[in-house]
């Protein structure tokens, strides 16, 4: 009887030692994963700091002005005049859609969407003569690609609205 009791106690001791070993091994793996994640977080923070510094360098007004002057003929933009700036109240509302099932606003309810003009209007600059032709050519190319692939553009897609 005493021998069986000793054998059971030795078995329980070995089982307990195995469980403790597994717990130690799991905790070491978790600590390793935590160390890797902390290293990855610090690398990401350093990358973000570098990107912020690069953004501030690229966004300097003097550099942007030099680029505008260098590519003035390509961009074909004129200076923004003070009379061109409007308040939100002066922007016309988008007309209500005739079909409510195409994803647009119900005509019975007032529309809260603002009208979107041409792509050149969104930059704050006035395109020179010929720029509208370039926009029309780009729109025609986009329409040809859409027709070739058989893709139906979504009615409320902002990219689609800008291209029109």
Protein backbone atom coordinates (compact mmCIF):
# COMPACT_ATOMS: atom_id res chain seq x y z
CA UNK A 1 0.00 0.00 0.00
CA UNK A 2 2.79 2.36 0.93
CA UNK A 3 4.61 1.62 -2.34
CA UNK A 4 1.55 2.47 -4.44
CA UNK A 5 1.05 5.68 -2.50
CA UNK A 6 4.70 6.64 -3.12
CA UNK A 7 4.39 5.81 -6.83
CA UNK A 8 1.24 8.00 -7.10
CA UNK A 9 3.00 10.89 -5.33
CA UNK A 10 6.04 10.58 -7.61
CA UNK A 11 3.69 10.57 -10.64
CA UNK A 12 1.90 13.71 -9.38
CA UNK A 13 5.27 15.37 -8.74
CA UNK A 14 6.42 14.59 -12.31
CA UNK A 15 3.09 15.82 -13.71
CA UNK A 16 3.40 19.07 -11.72
CA UNK A 17 6.98 19.55 -12.94
CA UNK A 18 5.81 19.07 -16.53
CA UNK A 19 3.01 21.61 -16.12
CA UNK A 20 5.41 24.15 -14.59
CA UNK A 21 7.86 23.59 -17.45
CA UNK A 22 5.10 24.15 -20.05
CA UNK A 23 3.96 27.33 -18.29
CA UNK A 24 7.54 28.63 -18.22
CA UNK A 25 8.00 27.82 -21.92
CA UNK A 26 4.71 29.59 -22.83
CA UNK A 27 5.64 32.67 -20.82
CA UNK A 28 9.05 32.86 -22.56
CA UNK A 29 7.34 32.67 -25.96
CA UNK A 30 4.89 35.41 -24.93
CA UNK A 31 7.77 37.58 -23.72
CA UNK A 32 9.52 37.06 -27.06
CA UNK A 33 6.39 38.10 -28.97
CA UNK A 34 6.04 41.18 -26.76
CA UNK A 35 9.66 42.14 -27.42
CA UNK A 36 9.13 41.76 -31.20
CA UNK A 37 5.97 43.87 -31.07
CA UNK A 38 7.69 46.58 -29.03
CA UNK A 39 10.55 46.63 -31.53
CA UNK A 40 8.07 46.87 -34.41
CA UNK A 41 6.21 49.70 -32.64
CA UNK A 42 9.44 51.65 -32.12
CA UNK A 43 10.40 51.13 -35.79
CA UNK A 44 6.97 52.33 -36.89
CA UNK A 45 7.22 55.42 -34.66
CA UNK A 46 10.63 56.23 -36.14
CA UNK A 47 9.21 55.80 -39.65
CA UNK A 48 6.29 58.11 -38.81
CA UNK A 49 8.67 60.73 -37.43
CA UNK A 50 10.75 60.50 -40.61
CA UNK A 51 7.66 60.82 -42.81
CA UNK A 52 6.47 63.85 -40.82
CA UNK A 53 9.86 65.49 -41.29
CA UNK A 54 9.79 64.70 -45.01
CA UNK A 55 6.23 66.05 -45.29
CA UNK A 56 7.19 69.33 -43.63
CA UNK A 57 10.18 69.61 -45.97
CA UNK A 58 8.08 68.90 -49.06
CA UNK A 59 5.34 71.27 -47.91
CA UNK A 60 7.53 74.37 -47.56
CA UNK A 61 5.90 77.33 -49.34
CA UNK A 62 9.15 78.39 -51.04
CA UNK A 63 9.65 74.92 -52.53
CA UNK A 64 6.04 74.73 -53.69
CA UNK A 65 6.27 78.18 -55.28
CA UNK A 66 9.43 77.14 -57.13
CA UNK A 67 7.67 74.01 -58.42
CA UNK A 68 4.66 76.02 -59.55
CA UNK A 69 6.90 78.42 -61.44
CA UNK A 70 8.92 75.56 -62.95
CA UNK A 71 5.84 73.64 -64.17
CA UNK A 72 3.63 76.65 -64.89
CA UNK A 73 3.23 75.79 -68.58
CA UNK A 74 2.37 72.16 -67.83
CA UNK A 75 -0.13 72.93 -65.05
CA UNK A 76 -1.76 75.78 -66.99
CA UNK A 77 -3.12 77.43 -63.86
CA UNK A 78 -3.73 81.11 -63.16
CA UNK A 79 -3.46 82.81 -59.80
CA UNK A 80 -6.42 82.74 -57.46
CA UNK A 81 -8.16 86.11 -57.31
CA UNK A 82 -9.88 87.31 -54.11
CA UNK A 83 -13.21 87.57 -55.93
CA UNK A 84 -13.15 83.84 -56.66
CA UNK A 85 -13.40 82.83 -53.01
CA UNK A 86 -16.98 82.07 -51.99
CA UNK A 87 -18.67 81.10 -48.77
CA UNK A 88 -20.49 77.81 -48.27
CA UNK A 89 -23.85 79.59 -48.56
CA UNK A 90 -23.01 80.77 -52.09
CA UNK A 91 -22.37 77.25 -53.40
CA UNK A 92 -25.48 75.90 -55.15
CA UNK A 93 -27.09 72.72 -53.90
CA UNK A 94 -26.92 69.58 -56.05
CA UNK A 95 -30.17 69.04 -57.99
CA UNK A 96 -32.39 66.27 -56.69
CA UNK A 97 -32.24 63.00 -58.62
CA UNK A 98 -35.24 61.74 -60.56
CA UNK A 99 -34.75 58.13 -59.43
CA UNK A 100 -34.43 57.50 -55.69
CA UNK A 101 -33.45 53.84 -56.29
CA UNK A 102 -30.07 54.71 -57.88
CA UNK A 103 -28.47 55.51 -54.52
CA UNK A 104 -29.10 59.26 -54.57
CA UNK A 105 -31.09 61.46 -52.23
CA UNK A 106 -34.88 61.26 -52.16
CA UNK A 107 -36.31 64.27 -54.08
CA UNK A 108 -38.92 64.84 -51.38
CA UNK A 109 -36.21 65.49 -48.81
CA UNK A 110 -33.86 68.49 -49.07
CA UNK A 111 -30.47 67.56 -50.40
CA UNK A 112 -27.49 68.29 -48.15
CA UNK A 113 -24.87 67.42 -50.77
CA UNK A 114 -22.95 70.28 -52.32
CA UNK A 115 -22.51 70.57 -56.06
CA UNK A 116 -19.14 69.44 -57.34
CA UNK A 117 -17.70 71.32 -60.27
CA UNK A 118 -14.89 70.43 -62.59
CA UNK A 119 -11.61 69.04 -61.32
CA UNK A 120 -9.89 72.40 -61.91
CA UNK A 121 -12.43 74.14 -59.67
CA UNK A 122 -11.39 72.06 -56.68
CA UNK A 123 -7.75 73.20 -56.80
CA UNK A 124 -8.56 76.83 -56.07
CA UNK A 125 -7.07 77.92 -59.38
CA UNK A 126 -8.56 78.76 -62.73
CA UNK A 127 -7.42 76.61 -65.62
CA UNK A 128 -6.17 78.45 -68.68
CA UNK A 129 -7.61 78.00 -72.13
CA UNK A 130 -7.22 74.45 -73.33
CA UNK A 131 -7.30 72.91 -69.87
CA UNK A 132 -11.00 72.09 -70.27
CA UNK A 133 -10.10 70.19 -73.43
CA UNK A 134 -7.55 68.15 -71.46
CA UNK A 135 -10.17 67.37 -68.81
CA UNK A 136 -12.61 66.35 -71.55
CA UNK A 137 -9.99 64.07 -73.16
CA UNK A 138 -9.22 62.46 -69.80
CA UNK A 139 -12.95 61.97 -69.14
CA UNK A 140 -13.41 60.42 -72.58
CA UNK A 141 -10.51 58.02 -71.91
CA UNK A 142 -12.07 57.08 -68.56
CA UNK A 143 -15.44 56.49 -70.22
CA UNK A 144 -13.78 54.31 -72.88
CA UNK A 145 -12.05 52.22 -70.19
CA UNK A 146 -15.27 51.85 -68.23
CA UNK A 147 -17.19 50.84 -71.36
CA UNK A 148 -14.47 48.36 -72.39
CA UNK A 149 -14.51 46.61 -69.04
CA UNK A 150 -18.29 46.76 -68.69
CA UNK A 151 -18.09 48.41 -65.28
CA UNK A 152 -21.03 50.53 -64.23
CA UNK A 153 -19.81 53.49 -62.13
CA UNK A 154 -21.53 54.06 -58.81
CA UNK A 155 -23.72 57.18 -58.77
CA UNK A 156 -22.31 58.61 -55.52
CA UNK A 157 -18.68 57.76 -56.23
CA UNK A 158 -16.58 60.91 -55.54
CA UNK A 159 -13.93 59.89 -58.08
CA UNK A 160 -16.63 59.49 -60.70
CA UNK A 161 -18.03 62.92 -59.78
CA UNK A 162 -14.59 64.53 -60.10
CA UNK A 163 -13.96 62.96 -63.48
CA UNK A 164 -17.22 64.30 -64.87
